N, C-alpha and C. Protein backbone atom coordinates (compact mmCIF):
# COMPACT_ATOMS: atom_id res chain seq x y z
N UNK A 1 0.79 -1.27 0.08
CA UNK A 1 -0.08 0.03 -0.05
C UNK A 1 0.94 1.16 0.09
N UNK A 2 0.37 2.25 -0.64
CA UNK A 2 1.14 3.43 -0.69
C UNK A 2 0.88 4.13 0.81
N UNK A 3 1.90 4.74 1.33
CA UNK A 3 1.84 5.50 2.81
C UNK A 3 2.52 6.63 2.85
N UNK A 4 2.11 7.62 3.71
CA UNK A 4 2.92 8.84 3.91
C UNK A 4 2.86 9.82 2.69
N UNK A 5 1.96 9.71 1.74
CA UNK A 5 1.84 10.62 0.62
C UNK A 5 0.70 11.56 0.88
N UNK A 6 0.97 12.99 0.92
CA UNK A 6 -0.24 13.88 1.16
C UNK A 6 -1.37 13.65 0.22
N UNK A 7 -2.54 14.14 0.59
CA UNK A 7 -3.81 13.94 -0.25
C UNK A 7 -3.87 14.69 -1.54
N UNK A 8 -2.96 15.73 -1.63
CA UNK A 8 -2.78 16.67 -2.83
C UNK A 8 -1.65 16.27 -3.66
N UNK A 9 -1.13 15.01 -3.26
CA UNK A 9 0.39 14.68 -4.18
C UNK A 9 -0.07 13.21 -4.65
N UNK A 10 1.11 12.71 -5.19
CA UNK A 10 1.04 11.37 -5.87
C UNK A 10 2.36 10.72 -5.41
N UNK A 11 2.53 9.36 -5.57
CA UNK A 11 3.85 8.63 -5.56
C UNK A 11 3.95 8.38 -6.94
N UNK A 12 5.25 8.87 -7.26
CA UNK A 12 5.67 8.67 -8.70
C UNK A 12 6.15 7.16 -9.01
N UNK A 13 5.73 6.64 -9.90
CA UNK A 13 6.16 5.39 -10.51
C UNK A 13 7.11 5.64 -11.53
N UNK A 14 8.43 5.37 -11.29
CA UNK A 14 9.48 5.67 -12.24
C UNK A 14 10.04 4.38 -13.09
N UNK A 15 10.73 4.90 -14.16
CA UNK A 15 11.14 3.70 -15.10
C UNK A 15 12.25 2.95 -14.46
N UNK A 16 13.02 3.51 -13.50
CA UNK A 16 14.14 2.81 -12.90
C UNK A 16 14.30 3.29 -11.46
N UNK A 17 15.10 2.75 -10.65
CA UNK A 17 15.28 3.35 -9.21
C UNK A 17 16.03 4.55 -9.27
N UNK A 18 15.51 5.67 -8.52
CA UNK A 18 16.13 6.84 -8.28
C UNK A 18 15.27 8.10 -8.87
N UNK A 19 15.27 9.13 -8.28
CA UNK A 19 14.46 10.28 -8.72
C UNK A 19 14.81 10.91 -9.95
N UNK A 20 15.99 10.53 -10.62
CA UNK A 20 16.29 11.01 -11.90
C UNK A 20 15.81 10.24 -12.96
N UNK A 21 15.10 9.06 -12.67
CA UNK A 21 14.45 8.25 -13.68
C UNK A 21 13.17 9.03 -14.25
N UNK A 22 12.75 8.78 -15.42
CA UNK A 22 11.40 9.28 -15.99
C UNK A 22 10.37 8.71 -15.22
N UNK A 23 9.25 9.42 -15.05
CA UNK A 23 7.90 9.14 -14.41
C UNK A 23 7.11 8.34 -15.50
N UNK A 24 6.60 7.04 -14.92
CA UNK A 24 5.97 6.21 -15.89
C UNK A 24 4.39 6.47 -15.52
N UNK A 25 4.14 6.78 -14.24
CA UNK A 25 2.74 7.01 -13.76
C UNK A 25 2.73 7.56 -12.48
N UNK A 26 1.56 7.92 -12.08
CA UNK A 26 1.36 8.45 -10.70
C UNK A 26 0.28 7.72 -9.93
N UNK A 27 0.83 7.27 -8.64
CA UNK A 27 -0.11 6.54 -7.95
C UNK A 27 -0.77 7.39 -6.70
N UNK A 28 -2.07 7.17 -6.60
CA UNK A 28 -2.79 7.91 -5.61
C UNK A 28 -2.21 7.63 -4.15
N UNK A 29 -2.45 8.50 -3.27
CA UNK A 29 -1.86 8.39 -1.96
C UNK A 29 -2.56 7.26 -1.06
N UNK A 30 -3.75 6.66 -1.47
CA UNK A 30 -4.39 5.69 -0.62
C UNK A 30 -4.43 4.33 -1.52
N UNK A 31 -3.65 4.27 -2.43
CA UNK A 31 -3.66 3.08 -3.28
C UNK A 31 -3.15 1.89 -2.48
N UNK A 32 -3.90 0.89 -2.57
CA UNK A 32 -3.56 -0.30 -1.64
C UNK A 32 -3.34 -1.69 -2.34
N UNK A 33 -3.12 -1.67 -3.55
CA UNK A 33 -3.00 -2.96 -4.17
C UNK A 33 -1.77 -2.92 -5.12
N UNK A 34 -0.79 -2.53 -4.59
CA UNK A 34 0.67 -2.51 -5.43
C UNK A 34 1.00 -4.11 -5.20
N UNK A 35 1.77 -4.54 -6.38
CA UNK A 35 2.18 -5.97 -6.39
C UNK A 35 3.66 -5.70 -6.57
N UNK A 36 4.35 -6.23 -5.44
CA UNK A 36 5.92 -6.20 -5.43
C UNK A 36 6.49 -7.08 -6.48
N UNK A 37 7.44 -6.84 -7.34
CA UNK A 37 7.83 -7.70 -8.36
C UNK A 37 9.16 -8.52 -7.92
N UNK A 38 9.62 -8.23 -6.69
CA UNK A 38 10.75 -9.19 -6.14
C UNK A 38 11.96 -8.59 -6.34
N UNK A 39 12.03 -7.16 -6.96
CA UNK A 39 13.37 -6.60 -7.14
C UNK A 39 13.47 -5.35 -6.40
N UNK A 40 14.69 -5.03 -5.66
CA UNK A 40 15.00 -3.98 -4.99
C UNK A 40 16.32 -3.40 -5.33
N UNK A 41 16.53 -2.12 -5.17
CA UNK A 41 17.84 -1.41 -5.39
C UNK A 41 18.19 -0.45 -4.33
N UNK A 42 19.43 -0.78 -3.79
CA UNK A 42 19.86 0.34 -2.80
C UNK A 42 20.69 1.51 -3.43
N UNK A 43 20.18 2.65 -3.31
CA UNK A 43 21.07 3.83 -3.80
C UNK A 43 21.68 4.46 -2.61
N UNK A 44 22.58 5.42 -2.75
CA UNK A 44 23.25 5.97 -1.64
C UNK A 44 22.30 6.49 -0.59
N UNK A 45 21.15 7.04 -0.78
CA UNK A 45 20.24 7.57 0.25
C UNK A 45 18.91 6.91 0.31
N UNK A 46 18.62 5.89 -0.38
CA UNK A 46 17.25 5.47 -0.44
C UNK A 46 17.30 3.95 -1.06
N UNK A 47 16.24 3.35 -0.68
CA UNK A 47 15.97 2.03 -1.20
C UNK A 47 14.67 2.09 -2.22
N UNK A 48 14.78 1.36 -3.36
CA UNK A 48 13.66 1.33 -4.30
C UNK A 48 13.15 -0.19 -4.55
N UNK A 49 11.88 -0.11 -4.80
CA UNK A 49 11.10 -1.39 -4.97
C UNK A 49 10.57 -1.46 -6.37
N UNK A 50 10.72 -2.53 -7.09
CA UNK A 50 9.97 -2.55 -8.30
C UNK A 50 8.61 -3.24 -8.10
N UNK A 51 7.66 -2.43 -8.73
CA UNK A 51 6.18 -2.71 -8.47
C UNK A 51 5.30 -2.90 -9.58
N UNK A 52 4.31 -3.50 -9.62
CA UNK A 52 3.30 -3.46 -10.65
C UNK A 52 2.05 -2.43 -10.27
N UNK A 53 1.86 -1.54 -10.93
CA UNK A 53 0.83 -0.66 -10.61
C UNK A 53 -0.27 -0.70 -11.83
N UNK A 54 -1.45 -1.59 -11.51
CA UNK A 54 -2.43 -1.61 -12.37
C UNK A 54 -1.90 -1.94 -14.01
N UNK A 55 -0.98 -2.89 -13.83
CA UNK A 55 -0.36 -3.46 -15.28
C UNK A 55 0.74 -2.49 -15.64
N UNK A 56 1.33 -1.55 -15.17
CA UNK A 56 2.51 -0.79 -15.35
C UNK A 56 3.58 -1.16 -14.29
N UNK A 57 4.67 -1.79 -14.72
CA UNK A 57 5.75 -1.94 -13.84
C UNK A 57 6.88 -1.07 -13.85
N UNK A 58 7.22 -0.43 -12.61
CA UNK A 58 8.01 0.68 -12.57
C UNK A 58 8.71 0.50 -11.16
N UNK A 59 9.42 1.51 -10.63
CA UNK A 59 10.01 1.54 -9.22
C UNK A 59 9.52 2.69 -8.49
N UNK A 60 9.28 2.42 -7.04
CA UNK A 60 8.98 3.46 -6.23
C UNK A 60 9.91 3.59 -4.96
N UNK A 61 10.01 4.65 -4.36
CA UNK A 61 10.78 4.60 -3.25
C UNK A 61 10.26 3.95 -2.06
N UNK A 62 10.95 2.99 -1.44
CA UNK A 62 10.45 2.18 -0.41
C UNK A 62 9.93 2.90 0.91
N UNK A 63 10.43 4.17 0.94
CA UNK A 63 9.89 5.08 2.04
C UNK A 63 8.36 5.15 1.98
N UNK A 64 7.78 5.07 0.88
CA UNK A 64 6.34 5.37 0.76
C UNK A 64 5.60 4.06 0.36
N UNK A 65 5.93 2.95 0.82
CA UNK A 65 5.23 1.67 0.52
C UNK A 65 5.22 0.98 1.97
N UNK A 66 4.14 0.10 2.29
CA UNK A 66 4.19 -0.76 3.47
C UNK A 66 3.07 -1.90 3.23
N UNK A 67 3.13 -2.69 3.91
CA UNK A 67 2.31 -3.90 3.82
C UNK A 67 1.04 -3.57 4.71
N UNK A 68 -0.26 -3.86 4.34
CA UNK A 68 -1.46 -3.45 4.94
C UNK A 68 -1.88 -4.64 5.87
N UNK A 69 -1.86 -4.25 7.22
CA UNK A 69 -2.26 -5.24 8.22
C UNK A 69 -3.69 -5.14 8.44
N UNK A 70 -4.03 -5.72 9.76
CA UNK A 70 -5.41 -5.74 10.10
C UNK A 70 -5.99 -4.26 10.46
N UNK A 71 -7.30 -4.05 10.35
CA UNK A 71 -8.10 -2.70 10.58
C UNK A 71 -8.90 -3.18 11.73
N UNK A 72 -8.90 -2.27 12.77
CA UNK A 72 -9.76 -2.38 14.11
C UNK A 72 -10.47 -1.05 14.34
N UNK A 73 -11.57 -1.25 14.93
CA UNK A 73 -12.23 0.10 15.54
C UNK A 73 -11.55 0.21 16.89
N UNK A 74 -10.76 1.40 17.07
CA UNK A 74 -10.17 1.73 18.31
C UNK A 74 -10.80 2.90 19.05
N UNK A 75 -12.17 3.14 18.68
CA UNK A 75 -12.65 4.29 19.27
C UNK A 75 -12.93 4.22 20.87
N UNK A 76 -13.44 3.15 21.35
CA UNK A 76 -13.69 2.92 22.85
C UNK A 76 -12.35 3.04 23.67
N UNK A 77 -11.22 2.43 23.08
CA UNK A 77 -9.86 2.61 23.81
C UNK A 77 -9.38 3.87 23.84
N UNK A 78 -9.48 4.67 22.69
CA UNK A 78 -9.10 5.95 22.69
C UNK A 78 -9.86 6.97 23.54
N UNK A 79 -11.14 6.85 23.46
CA UNK A 79 -12.04 7.75 24.39
C UNK A 79 -11.64 7.36 25.95
N UNK A 80 -11.42 6.15 26.23
CA UNK A 80 -11.06 5.63 27.57
C UNK A 80 -9.77 6.32 27.86
N UNK A 81 -8.76 6.29 27.17
CA UNK A 81 -7.48 6.84 27.47
C UNK A 81 -7.58 8.39 27.54
N UNK A 82 -8.37 8.91 26.66
CA UNK A 82 -8.42 10.50 26.72
C UNK A 82 -9.37 10.85 27.91
N UNK A 83 -10.32 10.06 28.29
CA UNK A 83 -11.21 10.49 29.39
C UNK A 83 -12.46 11.16 28.82
N UNK A 84 -12.51 11.43 27.50
CA UNK A 84 -13.70 12.02 27.01
C UNK A 84 -13.66 11.86 25.45
N UNK A 85 -14.80 12.22 24.68
CA UNK A 85 -15.00 12.11 23.27
C UNK A 85 -14.35 13.33 22.90
N UNK A 86 -13.12 13.09 22.02
CA UNK A 86 -12.49 14.39 21.50
C UNK A 86 -13.33 15.18 20.47
N UNK A 87 -13.18 16.39 20.41
CA UNK A 87 -13.76 17.34 19.55
C UNK A 87 -12.83 18.49 19.08
N UNK A 88 -13.13 19.11 17.99
CA UNK A 88 -12.27 20.17 17.59
C UNK A 88 -13.18 21.31 16.66
N UNK A 89 -12.56 22.38 16.31
CA UNK A 89 -13.32 23.51 15.58
C UNK A 89 -13.37 23.08 14.27
N UNK A 90 -12.52 22.17 13.49
CA UNK A 90 -12.65 21.62 12.34
C UNK A 90 -12.20 20.21 12.10
N UNK A 91 -12.61 19.59 10.96
CA UNK A 91 -12.40 18.15 10.93
C UNK A 91 -10.76 17.73 10.68
N UNK A 92 -10.15 18.79 10.18
CA UNK A 92 -8.62 18.57 9.97
C UNK A 92 -7.99 18.60 11.42
N UNK A 93 -8.47 19.66 12.22
CA UNK A 93 -7.91 19.72 13.54
C UNK A 93 -8.25 18.37 14.45
N UNK A 94 -9.52 18.00 14.19
CA UNK A 94 -9.68 16.75 14.99
C UNK A 94 -9.03 15.53 14.46
N UNK A 95 -8.66 15.50 13.14
CA UNK A 95 -7.86 14.44 12.55
C UNK A 95 -6.46 14.44 13.22
N UNK A 96 -5.96 15.69 13.11
CA UNK A 96 -4.54 15.77 13.79
C UNK A 96 -4.50 15.50 15.40
N UNK A 97 -5.46 15.89 15.96
CA UNK A 97 -5.49 15.56 17.46
C UNK A 97 -5.51 13.98 17.73
N UNK A 98 -6.31 13.31 16.76
CA UNK A 98 -6.36 11.98 16.98
C UNK A 98 -4.95 11.24 16.50
N UNK A 99 -4.43 11.65 15.40
CA UNK A 99 -3.13 11.29 14.94
C UNK A 99 -2.07 11.37 15.97
N UNK A 100 -2.22 12.65 16.73
CA UNK A 100 -1.05 12.75 17.57
C UNK A 100 -1.05 11.80 18.91
N UNK A 101 -2.22 11.05 19.00
CA UNK A 101 -2.46 10.07 20.08
C UNK A 101 -1.77 8.87 19.71
N UNK A 102 -1.40 8.73 18.46
CA UNK A 102 -0.74 7.50 17.95
C UNK A 102 0.73 7.70 17.62
N UNK A 103 1.10 8.85 17.55
CA UNK A 103 2.52 9.24 17.21
C UNK A 103 3.55 8.96 18.32
N UNK A 104 4.81 8.82 18.00
CA UNK A 104 5.84 8.62 19.01
C UNK A 104 6.81 9.81 18.93
N UNK A 105 7.43 10.15 20.10
CA UNK A 105 8.47 11.14 20.12
C UNK A 105 9.84 10.65 19.75
N UNK A 106 10.10 9.40 20.01
CA UNK A 106 11.47 9.01 19.70
C UNK A 106 11.34 7.43 19.11
N UNK A 107 11.45 7.39 17.82
CA UNK A 107 11.69 8.51 16.84
C UNK A 107 10.47 9.34 16.50
N UNK A 108 10.59 10.49 16.19
CA UNK A 108 9.59 11.40 16.04
C UNK A 108 8.75 10.86 14.70
N UNK A 109 7.50 10.69 14.76
CA UNK A 109 6.56 10.28 13.77
C UNK A 109 6.15 11.40 12.95
N UNK A 110 6.05 11.01 11.55
CA UNK A 110 5.50 11.89 10.47
C UNK A 110 4.11 11.60 10.53
N UNK A 111 3.25 12.79 10.54
CA UNK A 111 1.80 12.61 10.50
C UNK A 111 1.38 13.34 9.19
N UNK A 112 0.70 12.44 8.27
CA UNK A 112 0.48 13.00 7.01
C UNK A 112 -1.08 12.88 6.72
N UNK A 113 -1.80 13.90 6.27
CA UNK A 113 -3.19 13.88 5.90
C UNK A 113 -3.17 13.33 4.52
N UNK A 114 -3.81 12.06 4.46
CA UNK A 114 -3.65 11.38 3.02
C UNK A 114 -5.12 11.33 2.20
N UNK A 115 -6.12 11.85 2.85
CA UNK A 115 -7.31 12.12 2.10
C UNK A 115 -7.84 13.52 2.50
N UNK A 116 -8.42 14.29 1.48
CA UNK A 116 -9.17 15.46 1.80
C UNK A 116 -10.32 15.14 2.68
N UNK A 117 -10.72 16.18 3.45
CA UNK A 117 -11.83 16.01 4.42
C UNK A 117 -13.09 15.73 3.54
N UNK A 118 -13.88 14.58 3.88
CA UNK A 118 -15.13 14.26 3.07
C UNK A 118 -16.26 14.54 4.08
N UNK A 119 -17.44 14.78 3.27
CA UNK A 119 -18.71 15.01 4.25
C UNK A 119 -19.80 14.30 3.67
N UNK A 120 -20.81 13.99 4.48
CA UNK A 120 -22.00 13.21 4.23
C UNK A 120 -22.75 13.00 5.45
N UNK A 121 -23.14 12.01 5.86
CA UNK A 121 -23.85 11.85 7.16
C UNK A 121 -22.93 12.14 8.13
N UNK A 122 -21.63 11.76 8.06
CA UNK A 122 -20.46 11.94 8.98
C UNK A 122 -19.35 12.60 8.15
N UNK A 123 -18.53 13.43 8.64
CA UNK A 123 -17.34 14.01 7.92
C UNK A 123 -16.27 12.88 8.28
N UNK A 124 -15.34 12.95 7.51
CA UNK A 124 -14.14 11.86 7.64
C UNK A 124 -12.98 12.51 6.96
N UNK A 125 -11.95 11.84 7.45
CA UNK A 125 -10.45 12.19 6.91
C UNK A 125 -9.60 11.07 7.37
N UNK A 126 -8.55 11.01 6.54
CA UNK A 126 -7.48 9.86 6.77
C UNK A 126 -6.18 10.36 6.93
N UNK A 127 -5.52 9.88 8.07
CA UNK A 127 -4.17 10.12 8.32
C UNK A 127 -3.34 9.10 8.54
N UNK A 128 -1.91 9.08 7.95
CA UNK A 128 -0.94 8.09 8.17
C UNK A 128 -0.14 8.62 9.30
N UNK A 129 0.34 7.85 10.25
CA UNK A 129 1.40 8.19 11.35
C UNK A 129 2.48 7.11 10.96
N UNK A 130 3.41 7.61 10.49
CA UNK A 130 4.61 6.79 10.18
C UNK A 130 5.82 7.09 11.04
N UNK A 131 6.42 5.92 11.38
CA UNK A 131 7.54 5.96 12.19
C UNK A 131 7.46 5.95 13.68
N UNK A 132 7.24 4.49 14.01
CA UNK A 132 6.79 4.29 15.41
C UNK A 132 8.07 3.64 16.21
N UNK A 133 9.13 3.40 15.70
CA UNK A 133 10.33 2.87 16.32
C UNK A 133 10.19 1.48 16.50
N UNK A 134 9.39 0.81 15.72
CA UNK A 134 9.29 -0.70 15.58
C UNK A 134 9.45 -1.02 14.23
N UNK A 135 10.62 -1.93 14.01
CA UNK A 135 10.87 -2.31 12.66
C UNK A 135 9.68 -3.22 12.05
N UNK A 136 8.89 -3.81 12.79
CA UNK A 136 7.69 -4.57 12.28
C UNK A 136 6.57 -3.68 11.92
N UNK A 137 6.30 -2.75 12.69
CA UNK A 137 5.22 -1.89 12.56
C UNK A 137 5.73 -0.50 12.06
N UNK A 138 5.51 -0.16 10.83
CA UNK A 138 6.04 1.22 10.43
C UNK A 138 5.04 2.25 10.77
N UNK A 139 3.76 2.02 11.01
CA UNK A 139 2.89 2.99 11.40
C UNK A 139 1.50 2.58 11.39
N UNK A 140 0.53 3.54 11.31
CA UNK A 140 -0.81 3.18 11.32
C UNK A 140 -1.55 4.23 10.42
N UNK A 141 -2.49 3.67 9.75
CA UNK A 141 -3.58 4.72 8.95
C UNK A 141 -4.69 4.79 9.92
N UNK A 142 -5.14 6.10 10.05
CA UNK A 142 -6.29 6.43 10.83
C UNK A 142 -7.43 6.79 10.05
N UNK A 143 -8.55 6.24 9.92
CA UNK A 143 -9.71 6.82 9.26
C UNK A 143 -10.68 7.30 10.26
N UNK A 144 -10.69 8.64 10.40
CA UNK A 144 -11.57 9.34 11.49
C UNK A 144 -12.83 9.71 10.94
N UNK A 145 -13.93 9.41 11.70
CA UNK A 145 -15.32 9.81 11.35
C UNK A 145 -15.82 10.78 12.51
N UNK A 146 -16.48 11.77 12.17
CA UNK A 146 -16.91 12.61 13.22
C UNK A 146 -18.49 13.17 12.74
N UNK A 147 -19.06 13.63 13.94
CA UNK A 147 -20.37 14.21 13.80
C UNK A 147 -20.14 15.84 13.93
N UNK A 148 -20.88 16.72 13.10
CA UNK A 148 -20.68 17.98 13.23
C UNK A 148 -21.93 18.58 13.97
N UNK A 149 -21.62 19.43 15.07
CA UNK A 149 -22.81 20.08 15.73
C UNK A 149 -22.36 21.26 16.47
N UNK A 150 -22.93 22.43 16.23
CA UNK A 150 -22.64 23.58 16.97
C UNK A 150 -21.26 24.20 16.45
N UNK A 151 -20.75 23.81 15.35
CA UNK A 151 -19.49 24.35 14.88
C UNK A 151 -18.39 23.62 15.46
N UNK A 152 -18.65 22.40 15.89
CA UNK A 152 -17.66 21.54 16.39
C UNK A 152 -17.68 20.28 15.83
N UNK A 153 -16.63 19.52 15.57
CA UNK A 153 -16.50 18.17 15.12
C UNK A 153 -16.18 17.32 16.35
N UNK A 154 -17.15 16.24 16.57
CA UNK A 154 -16.92 15.27 17.75
C UNK A 154 -16.63 14.00 17.15
N UNK A 155 -15.57 13.26 17.58
CA UNK A 155 -15.19 11.89 17.18
C UNK A 155 -16.24 11.05 17.30
N UNK A 156 -16.83 10.31 16.11
CA UNK A 156 -17.60 9.10 16.18
C UNK A 156 -16.91 7.80 16.20
N UNK A 157 -15.99 7.59 15.20
CA UNK A 157 -15.26 6.37 15.11
C UNK A 157 -13.90 6.75 14.63
N UNK A 158 -12.91 5.82 15.19
CA UNK A 158 -11.64 5.92 14.57
C UNK A 158 -11.06 4.45 14.19
N UNK A 159 -11.03 4.10 12.91
CA UNK A 159 -10.53 2.88 12.45
C UNK A 159 -9.07 2.82 12.18
N UNK A 160 -8.39 1.87 12.77
CA UNK A 160 -6.72 2.05 12.65
C UNK A 160 -6.52 0.68 12.02
N UNK A 161 -5.68 0.99 10.88
CA UNK A 161 -5.08 -0.05 9.95
C UNK A 161 -3.60 -0.14 10.43
N UNK A 162 -3.00 -1.30 10.60
CA UNK A 162 -1.56 -1.33 10.90
C UNK A 162 -0.88 -1.15 9.37
N UNK A 163 0.26 -0.61 9.36
CA UNK A 163 1.21 -0.44 8.17
C UNK A 163 2.34 -1.24 8.76
N UNK A 164 2.60 -2.33 8.04
CA UNK A 164 3.77 -3.25 8.30
C UNK A 164 4.96 -2.93 7.50
N UNK A 165 6.12 -3.12 8.10
CA UNK A 165 7.33 -2.96 7.29
C UNK A 165 7.91 -4.11 6.61
N UNK A 166 7.72 -5.34 7.22
CA UNK A 166 8.31 -6.61 6.68
C UNK A 166 7.29 -7.57 6.10
N UNK A 167 6.22 -7.52 6.42
CA UNK A 167 5.15 -8.30 5.95
C UNK A 167 4.07 -8.67 6.90
N UNK A 168 3.01 -9.46 6.55
CA UNK A 168 1.93 -9.62 7.35
C UNK A 168 1.54 -11.06 7.50
N UNK A 169 1.42 -11.51 8.65
CA UNK A 169 0.79 -12.91 8.85
C UNK A 169 -0.48 -12.98 9.82
N UNK A 170 -1.60 -13.19 9.09
CA UNK A 170 -2.84 -13.37 9.69
C UNK A 170 -3.23 -11.99 10.39
N UNK A 171 -2.85 -10.75 9.38
CA UNK A 171 -3.26 -9.41 9.75
C UNK A 171 -2.20 -8.86 10.75
N UNK A 172 -1.33 -9.59 11.25
CA UNK A 172 -0.27 -8.96 12.22
C UNK A 172 0.94 -8.72 11.40
N UNK A 173 1.75 -7.75 11.91
CA UNK A 173 2.94 -7.47 11.39
C UNK A 173 3.92 -8.45 11.74
N UNK A 174 4.89 -8.82 10.80
CA UNK A 174 5.98 -9.82 11.15
C UNK A 174 7.26 -9.10 11.15
């Protein structure tokens, strides 16, 4: 799956490993069906992985890919830990508040908004929290749902998907 790419950006699929290679295609920030081709290359400051993106084979920086683990509803645990149902003046602020609850200080996690704010019966937004200091768990993807009332957004549900670094076995990172 693509990870850590902002909602208004893409992951470049390149003809070869390295940022100097031509761009073959652009992969959306929430794409979750990349197929690894089994080839990797180490460059002086990065690792590259050969993947198949919807029939086009190319190379991506491994910083921006991970294995998708289990997804769980973590709402009750989060509210219990915070002592109340969190709310904020905007959906983006609520999403950031929730993401900060999953981030680590050492190493410092990157928090990236990977979808624009959506609205309907509930507002929603998705964040990746990358860099948790565990070589098996690279991070989490948080899908945050909220109700809007009186100019505030109150958490309704948070779904947490594990982002694994080495692989997945029965939904858990290995």
